Amino acid sequence: MPHSPSTPPTAAASTATPAAAAPPMLVTPCTLEGRHVRLEPLELEHMDELWEVAQAPELWRWTATKIHSREALRDYLVSALADRERGVALPFTTRDAATGRAIGSTRFGNISTRDRRVEIGWTFVGLPWQRTGVNTEAKYLMLRHAFETWGCVRVELKAGRLNERSRAAIRRIGGVEEGTLRRHMYSGDGSWRDTVYYSILDDEWPVVKARLEGMLAARR
C-alpha cells in the first residue's frame, strides 16, 4: 500500500554512514545515461537547442524564474554555470536518448558537501516529452547518483504551493513533505511564492529506488 505523503516510506534499518567516516563527496561534471534520457553537463552552446523547447509559456507558469526571451534563457544558463564553478550546482542538459535532441534541463543545486546534502530541481522538459517517463527516469538517475555515488544522506526537492502537478509528482516518487515556507520566493512577475519542501533520506532510498524502477519498467 502506498505510504501517506506525510509519512516516510518504510525501509530496512538505517544504512547511513557517519559523515566523518564517509569518502569525500566529489562533485564533478558527469553524464548520467538511462533508457529514455541522457543527462549531460550543461554548456552555454546548448542554448539554441534549449530555446527551441523553452519557449512554451506553460513551462514557466509556476517557476520563480520566468523565461520569456532568449536573453532570459542565456542569463539562466550563465547563472547555472557560475554556480557550477562555485561548486554549489551541477546543471545538466536533458537529451532524448534515442535521438540526442535536447528536450530540457535539470540540475543538482544547493550542494553542501559538508552536510552531504543536495537539492534536485530547476527542471524544465519540453511539452511533447511530458508525461512520457522522461522526467521520472531523470529523477531516478539523479537520485541514484546522489545516494550511491556521492553518498548523500539527504536529497531535497521543492515546488510552489499552488503547483499541484509538481507536488503530486514529487510525492509519487517518494518525497516526504516537510513543510511550507511562506512568501519564500519572488516570482519576478510581482507575486510571491509559498514553497513546499520535500526530502528523501539515504535509508529511504532503497524503497524509493524500487518504486522508481517499477514505474520505469511499466513504461517499457
Protein backbone atom coordinates (compact mmCIF):
# COMPACT_ATOMS: atom_id res chain seq x y z
CA MET A 1 0.00 0.00 0.00
CA PRO A 2 1.46 3.46 -0.87
CA HIS A 3 2.63 5.43 2.14
CA SER A 4 0.93 8.63 3.21
CA PRO A 5 2.54 11.75 1.69
CA SER A 6 3.47 12.91 5.17
CA THR A 7 4.92 9.57 6.27
CA PRO A 8 8.42 8.42 5.27
CA PRO A 9 8.47 5.20 3.21
CA THR A 10 9.21 2.09 5.22
CA ALA A 11 12.80 0.87 4.80
CA ALA A 12 15.21 -1.51 6.40
CA ALA A 13 17.43 -0.40 9.25
CA SER A 14 19.37 2.76 8.50
CA THR A 15 22.47 2.31 6.38
CA ALA A 16 23.65 5.86 6.97
CA THR A 17 27.39 6.26 7.21
CA PRO A 18 28.72 8.82 9.72
CA ALA A 19 29.83 11.87 7.73
CA ALA A 20 33.31 11.79 9.23
CA ALA A 21 33.80 8.19 8.05
CA ALA A 22 32.35 8.59 4.57
CA PRO A 23 34.56 9.12 1.50
CA PRO A 24 34.79 12.67 0.15
CA MET A 25 31.77 13.88 -1.81
CA LEU A 26 33.43 14.78 -5.13
CA VAL A 27 31.14 17.00 -7.20
CA THR A 28 32.40 16.98 -10.78
CA PRO A 29 30.60 17.22 -14.14
CA CYS A 30 29.35 13.84 -15.32
CA THR A 31 26.95 12.23 -17.76
CA LEU A 32 24.05 10.12 -16.48
CA GLU A 33 22.52 7.76 -19.03
CA GLY A 34 19.29 5.82 -18.97
CA ARG A 35 16.96 4.04 -21.36
CA HIS A 36 14.99 7.19 -22.26
CA VAL A 37 17.20 10.12 -21.34
CA ARG A 38 20.81 11.20 -21.19
CA LEU A 39 21.80 13.94 -18.77
CA GLU A 40 24.99 15.62 -19.91
CA PRO A 41 26.86 18.60 -18.46
CA LEU A 42 25.15 21.83 -19.44
CA GLU A 43 27.14 24.17 -21.67
CA LEU A 44 26.32 27.64 -22.93
CA GLU A 45 26.46 26.41 -26.53
CA HIS A 46 23.37 24.31 -25.79
CA MET A 47 21.30 27.49 -25.60
CA ASP A 48 19.93 27.41 -29.16
CA GLU A 49 18.77 23.81 -28.72
CA LEU A 50 17.19 24.54 -25.36
CA TRP A 51 15.46 27.68 -26.61
CA GLU A 52 13.53 25.52 -29.07
CA VAL A 53 11.75 23.78 -26.19
CA ALA A 54 11.85 26.57 -23.60
CA GLN A 55 9.59 28.98 -25.46
CA ALA A 56 6.32 27.46 -24.23
CA PRO A 57 4.89 29.85 -21.59
CA GLU A 58 3.31 26.90 -19.75
CA LEU A 59 6.76 25.73 -18.65
CA TRP A 60 7.28 28.82 -16.54
CA ARG A 61 3.83 29.32 -15.02
CA TRP A 62 4.86 28.16 -11.53
CA THR A 63 8.60 28.86 -11.57
CA ALA A 64 10.33 31.65 -9.69
CA THR A 65 12.36 32.47 -12.81
CA LYS A 66 10.36 33.43 -15.90
CA ILE A 67 12.00 32.60 -19.24
CA HIS A 68 10.24 34.61 -21.94
CA SER A 69 13.17 35.55 -24.16
CA ARG A 70 16.47 34.19 -25.45
CA GLU A 71 18.26 36.73 -23.28
CA ALA A 72 16.46 35.48 -20.17
CA LEU A 73 17.39 31.91 -21.02
CA ARG A 74 21.00 32.90 -21.54
CA ASP A 75 21.08 34.62 -18.14
CA TYR A 76 19.53 31.48 -16.61
CA LEU A 77 22.22 29.24 -18.11
CA VAL A 78 25.06 31.62 -17.25
CA SER A 79 23.89 31.69 -13.63
CA ALA A 80 23.76 27.88 -13.53
CA LEU A 81 27.29 27.62 -14.93
CA ALA A 82 28.56 30.19 -12.42
CA ASP A 83 27.09 28.10 -9.61
CA ARG A 84 28.85 25.06 -11.07
CA GLU A 85 32.16 26.92 -10.93
CA ARG A 86 31.50 27.71 -7.27
CA GLY A 87 30.81 24.05 -6.57
CA VAL A 88 27.22 24.55 -5.43
CA ALA A 89 25.41 23.27 -8.52
CA LEU A 90 25.73 20.67 -11.25
CA PRO A 91 23.44 21.56 -14.17
CA PHE A 92 22.52 19.19 -17.00
CA THR A 93 21.07 19.35 -20.46
CA THR A 94 18.42 16.65 -20.76
CA ARG A 95 18.56 14.80 -24.07
CA ASP A 96 16.29 12.22 -25.65
CA ALA A 97 18.41 9.07 -25.56
CA ALA A 98 17.15 7.80 -28.91
CA THR A 99 17.65 10.98 -30.95
CA GLY A 100 20.15 13.02 -28.97
CA ARG A 101 17.81 16.01 -29.14
CA ALA A 102 17.89 18.48 -26.26
CA ILE A 103 14.49 18.36 -24.55
CA GLY A 104 15.10 20.34 -21.36
CA SER A 105 17.37 20.91 -18.41
CA THR A 106 17.67 19.97 -14.76
CA ARG A 107 20.29 20.28 -12.05
CA PHE A 108 21.67 19.46 -8.66
CA GLY A 109 21.73 22.66 -6.63
CA ASN A 110 22.34 23.98 -3.14
CA ILE A 111 25.06 21.36 -2.82
CA SER A 112 26.60 21.04 0.65
CA THR A 113 29.45 18.53 0.65
CA ARG A 114 29.98 19.09 4.37
CA ASP A 115 26.41 18.06 5.14
CA ARG A 116 26.21 15.51 2.30
CA ARG A 117 23.05 17.22 1.13
CA VAL A 118 21.84 18.24 -2.32
CA GLU A 119 18.70 19.57 -3.96
CA ILE A 120 17.26 18.32 -7.25
CA GLY A 121 15.28 20.83 -9.27
CA TRP A 122 15.41 23.74 -11.74
CA THR A 123 13.79 21.32 -14.15
CA PHE A 124 12.00 22.01 -17.39
CA VAL A 125 11.01 19.46 -20.02
CA GLY A 126 9.60 20.30 -23.46
CA LEU A 127 5.85 19.81 -23.70
CA PRO A 128 5.97 16.86 -26.18
CA TRP A 129 8.08 14.87 -23.69
CA GLN A 130 5.99 15.49 -20.60
CA ARG A 131 4.09 12.53 -19.12
CA THR A 132 6.33 10.14 -21.07
CA GLY A 133 8.55 8.83 -18.28
CA VAL A 134 11.42 11.14 -19.22
CA ASN A 135 11.28 13.15 -16.00
CA THR A 136 10.79 10.02 -13.89
CA GLU A 137 13.93 8.45 -15.32
CA ALA A 138 15.90 11.69 -14.94
CA LYS A 139 14.95 11.83 -11.26
CA TYR A 140 15.90 8.17 -10.87
CA LEU A 141 19.33 8.73 -12.41
CA MET A 142 19.98 11.79 -10.25
CA LEU A 143 18.79 10.21 -7.02
CA ARG A 144 20.90 7.12 -7.70
CA HIS A 145 23.95 9.30 -8.33
CA ALA A 146 23.32 11.34 -5.19
CA PHE A 147 22.90 8.38 -2.86
CA GLU A 148 25.11 5.71 -4.45
CA THR A 149 27.97 7.75 -5.92
CA TRP A 150 28.13 10.81 -3.69
CA GLY A 151 26.91 9.10 -0.54
CA CYS A 152 24.38 11.82 0.24
CA VAL A 153 22.28 11.42 3.35
CA ARG A 154 19.56 13.82 2.19
CA VAL A 155 18.12 14.94 -1.13
CA GLU A 156 15.73 17.88 -1.20
CA LEU A 157 13.03 18.79 -3.70
CA LYS A 158 10.65 21.72 -3.66
CA ALA A 159 7.63 23.11 -5.52
CA GLY A 160 5.37 26.12 -5.37
CA ARG A 161 2.37 25.58 -3.10
CA LEU A 162 -0.07 26.10 -5.99
CA ASN A 163 1.81 23.78 -8.34
CA GLU A 164 -0.26 20.69 -7.60
CA ARG A 165 1.10 18.77 -10.58
CA SER A 166 4.73 19.04 -9.47
CA ARG A 167 3.83 18.37 -5.85
CA ALA A 168 1.93 15.21 -6.81
CA ALA A 169 4.89 14.07 -8.93
CA ILE A 170 7.30 14.51 -6.01
CA ARG A 171 5.01 12.59 -3.66
CA ARG A 172 4.57 9.85 -6.25
CA ILE A 173 8.29 9.10 -6.34
CA GLY A 174 8.52 9.03 -2.54
CA GLY A 175 9.31 12.58 -1.48
CA VAL A 176 8.22 13.27 2.10
CA GLU A 177 6.54 16.63 2.65
CA GLU A 178 8.28 18.62 5.38
CA GLY A 179 6.52 21.97 5.42
CA THR A 180 5.76 25.23 3.66
CA LEU A 181 7.92 28.34 3.63
CA ARG A 182 5.56 31.28 3.26
CA ARG A 183 6.41 34.11 0.84
CA HIS A 184 9.61 32.24 0.18
CA MET A 185 10.46 33.34 -3.36
CA TYR A 186 9.80 36.38 -5.51
CA SER A 187 8.45 35.20 -8.84
CA GLY A 188 9.62 38.08 -10.98
CA ASP A 189 6.07 38.91 -12.06
CA GLY A 190 5.14 40.89 -8.98
CA SER A 191 3.97 37.89 -6.94
CA TRP A 192 5.43 35.95 -4.03
CA ARG A 193 5.55 32.17 -3.93
CA ASP A 194 4.97 29.91 -0.96
CA THR A 195 7.33 26.93 -1.33
CA VAL A 196 6.68 23.38 -0.13
CA TYR A 197 9.79 21.36 0.74
CA TYR A 198 10.18 17.60 0.40
CA SER A 199 13.05 15.24 1.11
CA ILE A 200 14.29 11.69 0.62
CA LEU A 201 16.82 10.29 3.10
CA ASP A 202 19.50 7.70 2.46
CA ASP A 203 17.77 4.98 4.46
CA GLU A 204 14.57 5.62 2.48
CA TRP A 205 16.37 5.32 -0.85
CA PRO A 206 16.09 1.50 -1.27
CA VAL A 207 12.29 1.69 -1.16
CA VAL A 208 12.17 4.79 -3.38
CA LYS A 209 14.59 3.14 -5.83
CA ALA A 210 12.43 0.04 -6.11
CA ARG A 211 9.36 2.19 -6.66
CA LEU A 212 11.00 4.19 -9.43
CA GLU A 213 12.35 1.08 -11.12
CA GLY A 214 8.84 -0.39 -11.07
CA MET A 215 7.40 2.78 -12.58
CA LEU A 216 10.01 2.76 -15.35
CA ALA A 217 9.57 -0.94 -16.06
CA ALA A 218 5.84 -0.40 -16.54
CA ARG A 219 6.58 2.09 -19.34
CA ARG A 220 8.74 -0.23 -21.44
